């Protein structure tokens, strides 16, 4: 028995994804994938477009509300008698809270 063949057969017995050809060289079996790397089959649902349209509507509404409010922020500051920075901070808070809150809300929507 060739020493290379005994090593190769030992490796083949320990790891099923290695094969030995007739010349005694070790090759990897391309059909084998460990469980962590196996590709899952995904099923596409038509409902995903409904979710996408809903997400786009909510995002558009959010963006438009801040864009429309921006030009009148000086007028609002005059009406309420507050500095314009206070009005600008209210819009900034919306933008700052949007990102941290979108992850828990997305997780909640996926689970329930």
PDB file of N, CA and C in Angstrom:
ATOM      1  N   UNK A   1       0.851  -1.183   0.000  1.00  0.00           N
ATOM      2  CA  UNK A   1       0.000   0.000   0.000  1.00  0.00           C
ATOM      3  C   UNK A   1       0.889   1.236   0.000  1.00  0.00           C
ATOM      4  N   UNK A   2       0.546   2.159  -0.810  1.00  0.00           N
ATOM      5  CA  UNK A   2       1.265   3.415  -0.943  1.00  0.00           C
ATOM      6  C   UNK A   2       0.996   4.293   0.290  1.00  0.00           C
ATOM      7  N   UNK A   3       2.024   4.914   0.891  1.00  0.00           N
ATOM      8  CA  UNK A   3       1.774   5.757   2.075  1.00  0.00           C
ATOM      9  C   UNK A   3       0.833   6.915   1.780  1.00  0.00           C
ATOM     10  N   UNK A   4       0.889   7.434   0.560  1.00  0.00           N
ATOM     11  CA  UNK A   4      -0.029   8.525   0.218  1.00  0.00           C
ATOM     12  C   UNK A   4      -1.474   8.054   0.205  1.00  0.00           C
ATOM     13  N   UNK A   5      -1.694   6.815  -0.243  1.00  0.00           N
ATOM     14  CA  UNK A   5      -3.059   6.297  -0.281  1.00  0.00           C
ATOM     15  C   UNK A   5      -3.592   6.063   1.125  1.00  0.00           C
ATOM     16  N   UNK A   6      -2.751   5.618   2.056  1.00  0.00           N
ATOM     17  CA  UNK A   6      -3.240   5.388   3.414  1.00  0.00           C
ATOM     18  C   UNK A   6      -3.603   6.714   4.086  1.00  0.00           C
ATOM     19  N   UNK A   7      -2.812   7.751   3.846  1.00  0.00           N
ATOM     20  CA  UNK A   7      -3.140   9.069   4.392  1.00  0.00           C
ATOM     21  C   UNK A   7      -4.420   9.588   3.756  1.00  0.00           C
ATOM     22  N   UNK A   8      -4.531   9.408   2.436  1.00  0.00           N
ATOM     23  CA  UNK A   8      -5.716   9.894   1.748  1.00  0.00           C
ATOM     24  C   UNK A   8      -6.961   9.149   2.186  1.00  0.00           C
ATOM     25  N   UNK A   9      -6.852   7.829   2.380  1.00  0.00           N
ATOM     26  CA  UNK A   9      -8.035   7.078   2.813  1.00  0.00           C
ATOM     27  C   UNK A   9      -8.421   7.455   4.231  1.00  0.00           C
ATOM     28  N   UNK A  10      -7.436   7.754   5.087  1.00  0.00           N
ATOM     29  CA  UNK A  10      -7.742   8.202   6.449  1.00  0.00           C
ATOM     30  C   UNK A  10      -8.453   9.542   6.421  1.00  0.00           C
ATOM     31  N   UNK A  11      -7.963  10.445   5.583  1.00  0.00           N
ATOM     32  CA  UNK A  11      -8.619  11.747   5.452  1.00  0.00           C
ATOM     33  C   UNK A  11     -10.027  11.568   4.904  1.00  0.00           C
ATOM     34  N   UNK A  12     -10.192  10.660   3.928  1.00  0.00           N
ATOM     35  CA  UNK A  12     -11.516  10.428   3.339  1.00  0.00           C
ATOM     36  C   UNK A  12     -12.462   9.864   4.382  1.00  0.00           C
ATOM     37  N   UNK A  13     -11.972   8.995   5.241  1.00  0.00           N
ATOM     38  CA  UNK A  13     -12.845   8.432   6.265  1.00  0.00           C
ATOM     39  C   UNK A  13     -13.250   9.491   7.287  1.00  0.00           C
ATOM     40  N   UNK A  14     -12.334  10.410   7.612  1.00  0.00           N
ATOM     41  CA  UNK A  14     -12.654  11.429   8.605  1.00  0.00           C
ATOM     42  C   UNK A  14     -13.513  12.542   8.031  1.00  0.00           C
ATOM     43  N   UNK A  15     -13.258  12.901   6.788  1.00  0.00           N
ATOM     44  CA  UNK A  15     -13.993  13.990   6.154  1.00  0.00           C
ATOM     45  C   UNK A  15     -14.549  13.473   4.836  1.00  0.00           C
ATOM     46  N   UNK A  16     -15.857  13.344   4.772  1.00  0.00           N
ATOM     47  CA  UNK A  16     -16.484  12.736   3.600  1.00  0.00           C
ATOM     48  C   UNK A  16     -16.405  13.604   2.358  1.00  0.00           C
ATOM     49  N   UNK A  17     -16.035  14.850   2.494  1.00  0.00           N
ATOM     50  CA  UNK A  17     -16.019  15.721   1.326  1.00  0.00           C
ATOM     51  C   UNK A  17     -14.710  15.660   0.552  1.00  0.00           C
ATOM     52  N   UNK A  18     -13.748  14.839   0.991  1.00  0.00           N
ATOM     53  CA  UNK A  18     -12.513  14.639   0.237  1.00  0.00           C
ATOM     54  C   UNK A  18     -12.580  13.290  -0.461  1.00  0.00           C
ATOM     55  N   UNK A  19     -12.189  13.232  -1.710  1.00  0.00           N
ATOM     56  CA  UNK A  19     -12.184  11.975  -2.443  1.00  0.00           C
ATOM     57  C   UNK A  19     -10.792  11.731  -3.001  1.00  0.00           C
ATOM     58  N   UNK A  20     -10.483  10.468  -3.248  1.00  0.00           N
ATOM     59  CA  UNK A  20      -9.191  10.082  -3.794  1.00  0.00           C
ATOM     60  C   UNK A  20      -9.437   9.480  -5.172  1.00  0.00           C
ATOM     61  N   UNK A  21      -8.770  10.014  -6.178  1.00  0.00           N
ATOM     62  CA  UNK A  21      -8.943   9.457  -7.518  1.00  0.00           C
ATOM     63  C   UNK A  21      -8.021   8.260  -7.704  1.00  0.00           C
ATOM     64  N   UNK A  22      -8.048   7.682  -8.888  1.00  0.00           N
ATOM     65  CA  UNK A  22      -7.298   6.457  -9.158  1.00  0.00           C
ATOM     66  C   UNK A  22      -5.784   6.665  -9.089  1.00  0.00           C
ATOM     67  N   UNK A  23      -5.304   7.881  -9.255  1.00  0.00           N
ATOM     68  CA  UNK A  23      -3.869   8.164  -9.187  1.00  0.00           C
ATOM     69  C   UNK A  23      -3.392   8.405  -7.752  1.00  0.00           C
ATOM     70  N   UNK A  24      -4.315   8.432  -6.809  1.00  0.00           N
ATOM     71  CA  UNK A  24      -3.943   8.635  -5.416  1.00  0.00           C
ATOM     72  C   UNK A  24      -3.914  10.088  -4.985  1.00  0.00           C
ATOM     73  N   UNK A  25      -4.349  10.996  -5.832  1.00  0.00           N
ATOM     74  CA  UNK A  25      -4.359  12.402  -5.442  1.00  0.00           C
ATOM     75  C   UNK A  25      -5.681  12.748  -4.765  1.00  0.00           C
ATOM     76  N   UNK A  26      -5.596  13.662  -3.837  1.00  0.00           N
ATOM     77  CA  UNK A  26      -6.766  14.059  -3.054  1.00  0.00           C
ATOM     78  C   UNK A  26      -7.453  15.216  -3.759  1.00  0.00           C
ATOM     79  N   UNK A  27      -8.771  15.083  -3.908  1.00  0.00           N
ATOM     80  CA  UNK A  27      -9.570  16.153  -4.502  1.00  0.00           C
ATOM     81  C   UNK A  27     -10.772  16.410  -3.619  1.00  0.00           C
ATOM     82  N   UNK A  28     -11.262  17.614  -3.703  1.00  0.00           N
ATOM     83  CA  UNK A  28     -12.427  17.971  -2.905  1.00  0.00           C
ATOM     84  C   UNK A  28     -13.693  17.690  -3.698  1.00  0.00           C
ATOM     85  N   UNK A  29     -14.656  17.089  -3.038  1.00  0.00           N
ATOM     86  CA  UNK A  29     -15.940  16.802  -3.667  1.00  0.00           C
ATOM     87  C   UNK A  29     -16.745  18.085  -3.705  1.00  0.00           C
ATOM     88  N   UNK A  30     -17.044  18.572  -4.893  1.00  0.00           N
ATOM     89  CA  UNK A  30     -17.753  19.843  -5.030  1.00  0.00           C
ATOM     90  C   UNK A  30     -19.213  19.756  -4.616  1.00  0.00           C
ATOM     91  N   UNK A  31     -19.748  18.555  -4.564  1.00  0.00           N
ATOM     92  CA  UNK A  31     -21.155  18.405  -4.193  1.00  0.00           C
ATOM     93  C   UNK A  31     -21.359  18.545  -2.692  1.00  0.00           C
ATOM     94  N   UNK A  32     -20.315  18.361  -1.923  1.00  0.00           N
ATOM     95  CA  UNK A  32     -20.446  18.444  -0.470  1.00  0.00           C
ATOM     96  C   UNK A  32     -20.347  19.878  -0.002  1.00  0.00           C
ATOM     97  N   UNK A  33     -21.236  20.254   0.894  1.00  0.00           N
ATOM     98  CA  UNK A  33     -21.167  21.553   1.570  1.00  0.00           C
ATOM     99  C   UNK A  33     -21.487  21.320   3.028  1.00  0.00           C
ATOM    100  N   UNK A  34     -20.705  21.879   3.902  1.00  0.00           N
ATOM    101  CA  UNK A  34     -21.025  21.716   5.317  1.00  0.00           C
ATOM    102  C   UNK A  34     -22.382  22.343   5.630  1.00  0.00           C
ATOM    103  N   UNK A  35     -23.025  21.899   6.701  1.00  0.00           N
ATOM    104  CA  UNK A  35     -24.374  22.398   7.017  1.00  0.00           C
ATOM    105  C   UNK A  35     -24.452  23.905   7.142  1.00  0.00           C
ATOM    106  N   UNK A  36     -23.401  24.560   7.613  1.00  0.00           N
ATOM    107  CA  UNK A  36     -23.459  26.007   7.784  1.00  0.00           C
ATOM    108  C   UNK A  36     -23.371  26.755   6.459  1.00  0.00           C
ATOM    109  N   UNK A  37     -22.915  26.088   5.383  1.00  0.00           N
ATOM    110  CA  UNK A  37     -22.719  26.755   4.105  1.00  0.00           C
ATOM    111  C   UNK A  37     -23.780  26.331   3.085  1.00  0.00           C
ATOM    112  N   UNK A  38     -24.595  25.347   3.425  1.00  0.00           N
ATOM    113  CA  UNK A  38     -25.590  24.870   2.468  1.00  0.00           C
ATOM    114  C   UNK A  38     -26.546  25.996   2.113  1.00  0.00           C
ATOM    115  N   UNK A  39     -26.869  26.055   0.841  1.00  0.00           N
ATOM    116  CA  UNK A  39     -27.755  27.116   0.380  1.00  0.00           C
ATOM    117  C   UNK A  39     -29.200  26.724   0.646  1.00  0.00           C
ATOM    118  N   UNK A  40     -29.928  27.672   1.217  1.00  0.00           N
ATOM    119  CA  UNK A  40     -31.341  27.443   1.463  1.00  0.00           C
ATOM    120  C   UNK A  40     -32.128  27.893   0.252  1.00  0.00           C
ATOM    121  N   UNK A  41     -33.230  27.236   0.023  1.00  0.00           N
ATOM    122  CA  UNK A  41     -34.092  27.667  -1.065  1.00  0.00           C
ATOM    123  C   UNK A  41     -35.082  28.671  -0.508  1.00  0.00           C
ATOM    124  N   UNK A  42     -35.180  29.789  -1.194  1.00  0.00           N
ATOM    125  CA  UNK A  42     -36.078  30.846  -0.761  1.00  0.00           C
ATOM    126  C   UNK A  42     -37.305  30.842  -1.651  1.00  0.00           C
ATOM    127  N   UNK A  43     -38.432  31.056  -1.018  1.00  0.00           N
ATOM    128  CA  UNK A  43     -39.677  31.144  -1.757  1.00  0.00           C
ATOM    129  C   UNK A  43     -40.073  32.608  -1.830  1.00  0.00           C
ATOM    130  N   UNK A  44     -40.377  33.075  -3.006  1.00  0.00           N
ATOM    131  CA  UNK A  44     -40.769  34.472  -3.187  1.00  0.00           C
ATOM    132  C   UNK A  44     -42.290  34.570  -3.158  1.00  0.00           C
ATOM    133  N   UNK A  45     -42.769  35.464  -2.328  1.00  0.00           N
ATOM    134  CA  UNK A  45     -44.201  35.666  -2.188  1.00  0.00           C
ATOM    135  C   UNK A  45     -44.602  36.954  -2.889  1.00  0.00           C
ATOM    136  N   UNK A  46     -45.755  36.982  -3.563  1.00  0.00           N
ATOM    137  CA  UNK A  46     -46.202  38.221  -4.202  1.00  0.00           C
ATOM    138  C   UNK A  46     -46.524  39.316  -3.187  1.00  0.00           C
ATOM    139  N   UNK A  47     -46.777  38.936  -1.943  1.00  0.00           N
ATOM    140  CA  UNK A  47     -47.102  39.907  -0.903  1.00  0.00           C
ATOM    141  C   UNK A  47     -45.942  40.853  -0.628  1.00  0.00           C
ATOM    142  N   UNK A  48     -44.724  40.466  -1.029  1.00  0.00           N
ATOM    143  CA  UNK A  48     -43.558  41.316  -0.780  1.00  0.00           C
ATOM    144  C   UNK A  48     -43.692  42.655  -1.477  1.00  0.00           C
ATOM    145  N   UNK A  49     -44.430  42.680  -2.608  1.00  0.00           N
ATOM    146  CA  UNK A  49     -44.636  43.942  -3.305  1.00  0.00           C
ATOM    147  C   UNK A  49     -45.582  44.856  -2.531  1.00  0.00           C
ATOM    148  N   UNK A  50     -46.530  44.285  -1.839  1.00  0.00           N
ATOM    149  CA  UNK A  50     -47.431  45.077  -0.991  1.00  0.00           C
ATOM    150  C   UNK A  50     -46.634  45.715   0.140  1.00  0.00           C
ATOM    151  N   UNK A  51     -45.733  44.940   0.733  1.00  0.00           N
ATOM    152  CA  UNK A  51     -44.882  45.462   1.810  1.00  0.00           C
ATOM    153  C   UNK A  51     -43.965  46.548   1.264  1.00  0.00           C
ATOM    154  N   UNK A  52     -43.410  46.334   0.075  1.00  0.00           N
ATOM    155  CA  UNK A  52     -42.524  47.324  -0.535  1.00  0.00           C
ATOM    156  C   UNK A  52     -43.265  48.630  -0.807  1.00  0.00           C
ATOM    157  N   UNK A  53     -44.468  48.546  -1.351  1.00  0.00           N
ATOM    158  CA  UNK A  53     -45.252  49.757  -1.631  1.00  0.00           C
ATOM    159  C   UNK A  53     -45.603  50.463  -0.329  1.00  0.00           C
ATOM    160  N   UNK A  54     -45.958  49.721   0.708  1.00  0.00           N
ATOM    161  CA  UNK A  54     -46.242  50.335   2.006  1.00  0.00           C
ATOM    162  C   UNK A  54     -45.026  51.034   2.584  1.00  0.00           C
ATOM    163  N   UNK A  55     -43.872  50.388   2.470  1.00  0.00           N
ATOM    164  CA  UNK A  55     -42.636  51.005   2.948  1.00  0.00           C
ATOM    165  C   UNK A  55     -42.329  52.279   2.171  1.00  0.00           C
ATOM    166  N   UNK A  56     -42.498  52.240   0.864  1.00  0.00           N
ATOM    167  CA  UNK A  56     -42.239  53.431   0.045  1.00  0.00           C
ATOM    168  C   UNK A  56     -43.189  54.573   0.391  1.00  0.00           C
ATOM    169  N   UNK A  57     -44.452  54.264   0.634  1.00  0.00           N
ATOM    170  CA  UNK A  57     -45.419  55.306   1.004  1.00  0.00           C
ATOM    171  C   UNK A  57     -45.056  55.943   2.348  1.00  0.00           C
ATOM    172  N   UNK A  58     -44.696  55.111   3.308  1.00  0.00           N
ATOM    173  CA  UNK A  58     -44.334  55.645   4.626  1.00  0.00           C
ATOM    174  C   UNK A  58     -43.065  56.482   4.539  1.00  0.00           C
ATOM    175  N   UNK A  59     -42.074  56.005   3.804  1.00  0.00           N
ATOM    176  CA  UNK A  59     -40.823  56.745   3.668  1.00  0.00           C
ATOM    177  C   UNK A  59     -41.034  58.049   2.916  1.00  0.00           C
ATOM    178  N   UNK A  60     -41.864  58.015   1.880  1.00  0.00           N
ATOM    179  CA  UNK A  60     -42.148  59.233   1.117  1.00  0.00           C
ATOM    180  C   UNK A  60     -42.888  60.247   1.981  1.00  0.00           C
ATOM    181  N   UNK A  61     -43.850  59.779   2.748  1.00  0.00           N
ATOM    182  CA  UNK A  61     -44.588  60.679   3.634  1.00  0.00           C
ATOM    183  C   UNK A  61     -43.660  61.310   4.667  1.00  0.00           C
ATOM    184  N   UNK A  62     -42.774  60.521   5.209  1.00  0.00           N
ATOM    185  CA  UNK A  62     -41.826  61.027   6.196  1.00  0.00           C
ATOM    186  C   UNK A  62     -40.902  62.088   5.576  1.00  0.00           C
ATOM    187  N   UNK A  63     -40.390  61.780   4.402  1.00  0.00           N
ATOM    188  CA  UNK A  63     -39.470  62.721   3.742  1.00  0.00           C
ATOM    189  C   UNK A  63     -40.179  63.996   3.315  1.00  0.00           C
ATOM    190  N   UNK A  64     -41.381  63.857   2.793  1.00  0.00           N
ATOM    191  CA  UNK A  64     -42.118  65.042   2.357  1.00  0.00           C
ATOM    192  C   UNK A  64     -42.504  65.940   3.529  1.00  0.00           C
ATOM    193  N   UNK A  65     -42.839  65.314   4.660  1.00  0.00           N
ATOM    194  CA  UNK A  65     -43.240  66.139   5.806  1.00  0.00           C
ATOM    195  C   UNK A  65     -42.075  67.005   6.283  1.00  0.00           C
ATOM    196  N   UNK A  66     -40.884  66.458   6.286  1.00  0.00           N
ATOM    197  CA  UNK A  66     -39.748  67.273   6.709  1.00  0.00           C
ATOM    198  C   UNK A  66     -39.350  68.280   5.632  1.00  0.00           C
ATOM    199  N   UNK A  67     -39.491  67.919   4.371  1.00  0.00           N
ATOM    200  CA  UNK A  67     -39.141  68.848   3.288  1.00  0.00           C
ATOM    201  C   UNK A  67     -40.120  70.011   3.197  1.00  0.00           C
ATOM    202  N   UNK A  68     -41.389  69.739   3.432  1.00  0.00           N
ATOM    203  CA  UNK A  68     -42.406  70.798   3.367  1.00  0.00           C
ATOM    204  C   UNK A  68     -42.305  71.712   4.575  1.00  0.00           C
ATOM    205  N   UNK A  69     -41.948  71.157   5.719  1.00  0.00           N
ATOM    206  CA  UNK A  69     -41.896  71.956   6.932  1.00  0.00           C
ATOM    207  C   UNK A  69     -40.665  72.856   6.981  1.00  0.00           C
ATOM    208  N   UNK A  70     -39.616  72.502   6.278  1.00  0.00           N
ATOM    209  CA  UNK A  70     -38.374  73.255   6.331  1.00  0.00           C
ATOM    210  C   UNK A  70     -38.536  74.726   5.919  1.00  0.00           C
ATOM    211  N   UNK A  71     -39.208  75.058   4.807  1.00  0.00           N
ATOM    212  CA  UNK A  71     -39.315  76.472   4.428  1.00  0.00           C
ATOM    213  C   UNK A  71     -40.140  77.325   5.396  1.00  0.00           C
ATOM    214  N   UNK A  72     -41.069  76.709   6.116  1.00  0.00           N
ATOM    215  CA  UNK A  72     -41.916  77.508   6.998  1.00  0.00           C
ATOM    216  C   UNK A  72     -41.425  77.499   8.446  1.00  0.00           C
ATOM    217  N   UNK A  73     -40.238  76.955   8.686  1.00  0.00           N
ATOM    218  CA  UNK A  73     -39.750  76.872  10.059  1.00  0.00           C
ATOM    219  C   UNK A  73     -39.521  78.255  10.669  1.00  0.00           C
ATOM    220  N   UNK A  74     -39.091  79.241   9.869  1.00  0.00           N
ATOM    221  CA  UNK A  74     -38.892  80.598  10.385  1.00  0.00           C
ATOM    222  C   UNK A  74     -40.231  81.228  10.760  1.00  0.00           C
ATOM    223  N   UNK A  75     -41.260  80.966   9.959  1.00  0.00           N
ATOM    224  CA  UNK A  75     -42.600  81.507  10.262  1.00  0.00           C
ATOM    225  C   UNK A  75     -43.138  80.878  11.543  1.00  0.00           C
ATOM    226  N   UNK A  76     -42.955  79.568  11.695  1.00  0.00           N
ATOM    227  CA  UNK A  76     -43.414  78.874  12.903  1.00  0.00           C
ATOM    228  C   UNK A  76     -42.675  79.410  14.125  1.00  0.00           C
ATOM    229  N   UNK A  77     -41.396  79.671  13.987  1.00  0.00           N
ATOM    230  CA  UNK A  77     -40.620  80.219  15.108  1.00  0.00           C
ATOM    231  C   UNK A  77     -41.158  81.594  15.509  1.00  0.00           C
ATOM    232  N   UNK A  78     -41.537  82.417  14.523  1.00  0.00           N
ATOM    233  CA  UNK A  78     -42.110  83.737  14.834  1.00  0.00           C
ATOM    234  C   UNK A  78     -43.471  83.609  15.496  1.00  0.00           C
ATOM    235  N   UNK A  79     -44.303  82.688  15.011  1.00  0.00           N
ATOM    236  CA  UNK A  79     -45.652  82.526  15.569  1.00  0.00           C
ATOM    237  C   UNK A  79     -45.586  82.076  17.029  1.00  0.00           C
ATOM    238  N   UNK A  80     -44.733  81.121  17.320  1.00  0.00           N
ATOM    239  CA  UNK A  80     -44.651  80.591  18.678  1.00  0.00           C
ATOM    240  C   UNK A  80     -43.683  81.350  19.567  1.00  0.00           C
ATOM    241  N   UNK A  81     -42.951  82.282  19.008  1.00  0.00           N
ATOM    242  CA  UNK A  81     -42.041  83.096  19.803  1.00  0.00           C
ATOM    243  C   UNK A  81     -40.852  82.314  20.345  1.00  0.00           C
ATOM    244  N   UNK A  82     -40.365  81.377  19.589  1.00  0.00           N
ATOM    245  CA  UNK A  82     -39.197  80.590  19.996  1.00  0.00           C
ATOM    246  C   UNK A  82     -38.076  80.837  18.988  1.00  0.00           C
ATOM    247  N   UNK A  83     -36.863  80.595  19.395  1.00  0.00           N
ATOM    248  CA  UNK A  83     -35.760  80.750  18.429  1.00  0.00           C
ATOM    249  C   UNK A  83     -35.874  79.721  17.293  1.00  0.00           C
ATOM    250  N   UNK A  84     -35.434  80.071  16.100  1.00  0.00           N
ATOM    251  CA  UNK A  84     -35.518  79.123  14.965  1.00  0.00           C
ATOM    252  C   UNK A  84     -34.738  77.825  15.201  1.00  0.00           C
ATOM    253  N   UNK A  85     -33.744  77.865  16.068  1.00  0.00           N
ATOM    254  CA  UNK A  85     -32.979  76.640  16.341  1.00  0.00           C
ATOM    255  C   UNK A  85     -33.845  75.592  17.033  1.00  0.00           C
ATOM    256  N   UNK A  86     -34.823  76.029  17.819  1.00  0.00           N
ATOM    257  CA  UNK A  86     -35.720  75.084  18.500  1.00  0.00           C
ATOM    258  C   UNK A  86     -36.562  74.335  17.475  1.00  0.00           C
ATOM    259  N   UNK A  87     -37.058  75.059  16.479  1.00  0.00           N
ATOM    260  CA  UNK A  87     -37.847  74.423  15.424  1.00  0.00           C
ATOM    261  C   UNK A  87     -36.964  73.470  14.609  1.00  0.00           C
ATOM    262  N   UNK A  88     -35.749  73.901  14.326  1.00  0.00           N
ATOM    263  CA  UNK A  88     -34.826  73.049  13.572  1.00  0.00           C
ATOM    264  C   UNK A  88     -34.457  71.801  14.373  1.00  0.00           C
ATOM    265  N   UNK A  89     -34.334  71.939  15.679  1.00  0.00           N
ATOM    266  CA  UNK A  89     -34.013  70.778  16.518  1.00  0.00           C
ATOM    267  C   UNK A  89     -35.146  69.764  16.526  1.00  0.00           C
ATOM    268  N   UNK A  90     -36.384  70.238  16.455  1.00  0.00           N
ATOM    269  CA  UNK A  90     -37.506  69.298  16.375  1.00  0.00           C
ATOM    270  C   UNK A  90     -37.417  68.448  15.114  1.00  0.00           C
ATOM    271  N   UNK A  91     -37.051  69.044  13.991  1.00  0.00           N
ATOM    272  CA  UNK A  91     -36.898  68.272  12.756  1.00  0.00           C
ATOM    273  C   UNK A  91     -35.675  67.361  12.853  1.00  0.00           C
ATOM    274  N   UNK A  92     -34.626  67.820  13.509  1.00  0.00           N
ATOM    275  CA  UNK A  92     -33.419  67.012  13.654  1.00  0.00           C
ATOM    276  C   UNK A  92     -33.677  65.788  14.529  1.00  0.00           C
ATOM    277  N   UNK A  93     -34.501  65.954  15.557  1.00  0.00           N
ATOM    278  CA  UNK A  93     -34.824  64.829  16.433  1.00  0.00           C
ATOM    279  C   UNK A  93     -35.519  63.727  15.640  1.00  0.00           C
ATOM    280  N   UNK A  94     -36.399  64.105  14.728  1.00  0.00           N
ATOM    281  CA  UNK A  94     -37.055  63.104  13.883  1.00  0.00           C
ATOM    282  C   UNK A  94     -36.026  62.296  13.091  1.00  0.00           C
ATOM    283  N   UNK A  95     -35.063  62.965  12.522  1.00  0.00           N
ATOM    284  CA  UNK A  95     -34.049  62.278  11.734  1.00  0.00           C
ATOM    285  C   UNK A  95     -33.121  61.431  12.612  1.00  0.00           C
ATOM    286  N   UNK A  96     -32.805  61.912  13.787  1.00  0.00           N
ATOM    287  CA  UNK A  96     -31.924  61.160  14.667  1.00  0.00           C
ATOM    288  C   UNK A  96     -32.604  59.917  15.237  1.00  0.00           C
ATOM    289  N   UNK A  97     -33.887  59.994  15.499  1.00  0.00           N
ATOM    290  CA  UNK A  97     -34.603  58.854  16.055  1.00  0.00           C
ATOM    291  C   UNK A  97     -35.044  57.849  14.992  1.00  0.00           C
ATOM    292  N   UNK A  98     -35.078  58.268  13.743  1.00  0.00           N
ATOM    293  CA  UNK A  98     -35.540  57.383  12.680  1.00  0.00           C
ATOM    294  C   UNK A  98     -34.665  56.135  12.561  1.00  0.00           C
ATOM    295  N   UNK A  99     -33.370  56.293  12.532  1.00  0.00           N
ATOM    296  CA  UNK A  99     -32.469  55.157  12.351  1.00  0.00           C
ATOM    297  C   UNK A  99     -32.486  54.202  13.543  1.00  0.00           C
ATOM    298  N   UNK A 100     -32.312  54.653  14.801  1.00  0.00           N
ATOM    299  CA  UNK A 100     -32.320  53.677  15.902  1.00  0.00           C
ATOM    300  C   UNK A 100     -33.665  52.999  16.105  1.00  0.00           C
ATOM    301  N   UNK A 101     -34.744  53.694  15.788  1.00  0.00           N
ATOM    302  CA  UNK A 101     -36.057  53.079  15.986  1.00  0.00           C
ATOM    303  C   UNK A 101     -36.471  52.184  14.831  1.00  0.00           C
ATOM    304  N   UNK A 102     -35.869  52.354  13.658  1.00  0.00           N
ATOM    305  CA  UNK A 102     -36.290  51.543  12.516  1.00  0.00           C
ATOM    306  C   UNK A 102     -35.862  50.089  12.670  1.00  0.00           C
ATOM    307  N   UNK A 103     -34.745  49.806  13.346  1.00  0.00           N
ATOM    308  CA  UNK A 103     -34.307  48.424  13.520  1.00  0.00           C
ATOM    309  C   UNK A 103     -35.228  47.637  14.448  1.00  0.00           C
ATOM    310  N   UNK A 104     -35.583  48.134  15.640  1.00  0.00           N
ATOM    311  CA  UNK A 104     -36.514  47.366  16.481  1.00  0.00           C
ATOM    312  C   UNK A 104     -37.893  47.228  15.836  1.00  0.00           C
ATOM    313  N   UNK A 105     -38.332  48.255  15.140  1.00  0.00           N
ATOM    314  CA  UNK A 105     -39.642  48.176  14.492  1.00  0.00           C
ATOM    315  C   UNK A 105     -39.602  47.148  13.368  1.00  0.00           C
ATOM    316  N   UNK A 106     -38.515  47.120  12.600  1.00  0.00           N
ATOM    317  CA  UNK A 106     -38.373  46.111  11.551  1.00  0.00           C
ATOM    318  C   UNK A 106     -38.338  44.707  12.115  1.00  0.00           C
ATOM    319  N   UNK A 107     -37.648  44.525  13.238  1.00  0.00           N
ATOM    320  CA  UNK A 107     -37.608  43.213  13.889  1.00  0.00           C
ATOM    321  C   UNK A 107     -39.004  42.810  14.362  1.00  0.00           C
ATOM    322  N   UNK A 108     -39.711  43.746  14.956  1.00  0.00           N
ATOM    323  CA  UNK A 108     -41.067  43.485  15.428  1.00  0.00           C
ATOM    324  C   UNK A 108     -41.983  43.092  14.264  1.00  0.00           C
ATOM    325  N   UNK A 109     -41.867  43.789  13.142  1.00  0.00           N
ATOM    326  CA  UNK A 109     -42.713  43.479  11.983  1.00  0.00           C
ATOM    327  C   UNK A 109     -42.387  42.115  11.391  1.00  0.00           C
ATOM    328  N   UNK A 110     -41.135  41.707  11.442  1.00  0.00           N
ATOM    329  CA  UNK A 110     -40.765  40.387  10.913  1.00  0.00           C
ATOM    330  C   UNK A 110     -41.262  39.261  11.809  1.00  0.00           C
ATOM    331  N   UNK A 111     -41.236  39.473  13.110  1.00  0.00           N
ATOM    332  CA  UNK A 111     -41.626  38.417  14.037  1.00  0.00           C
ATOM    333  C   UNK A 111     -43.137  38.267  14.168  1.00  0.00           C
ATOM    334  N   UNK A 112     -43.858  39.360  14.069  1.00  0.00           N
ATOM    335  CA  UNK A 112     -45.294  39.304  14.303  1.00  0.00           C
ATOM    336  C   UNK A 112     -45.987  39.736  13.084  1.00  0.00           C
TER     337      UNK A 112
END
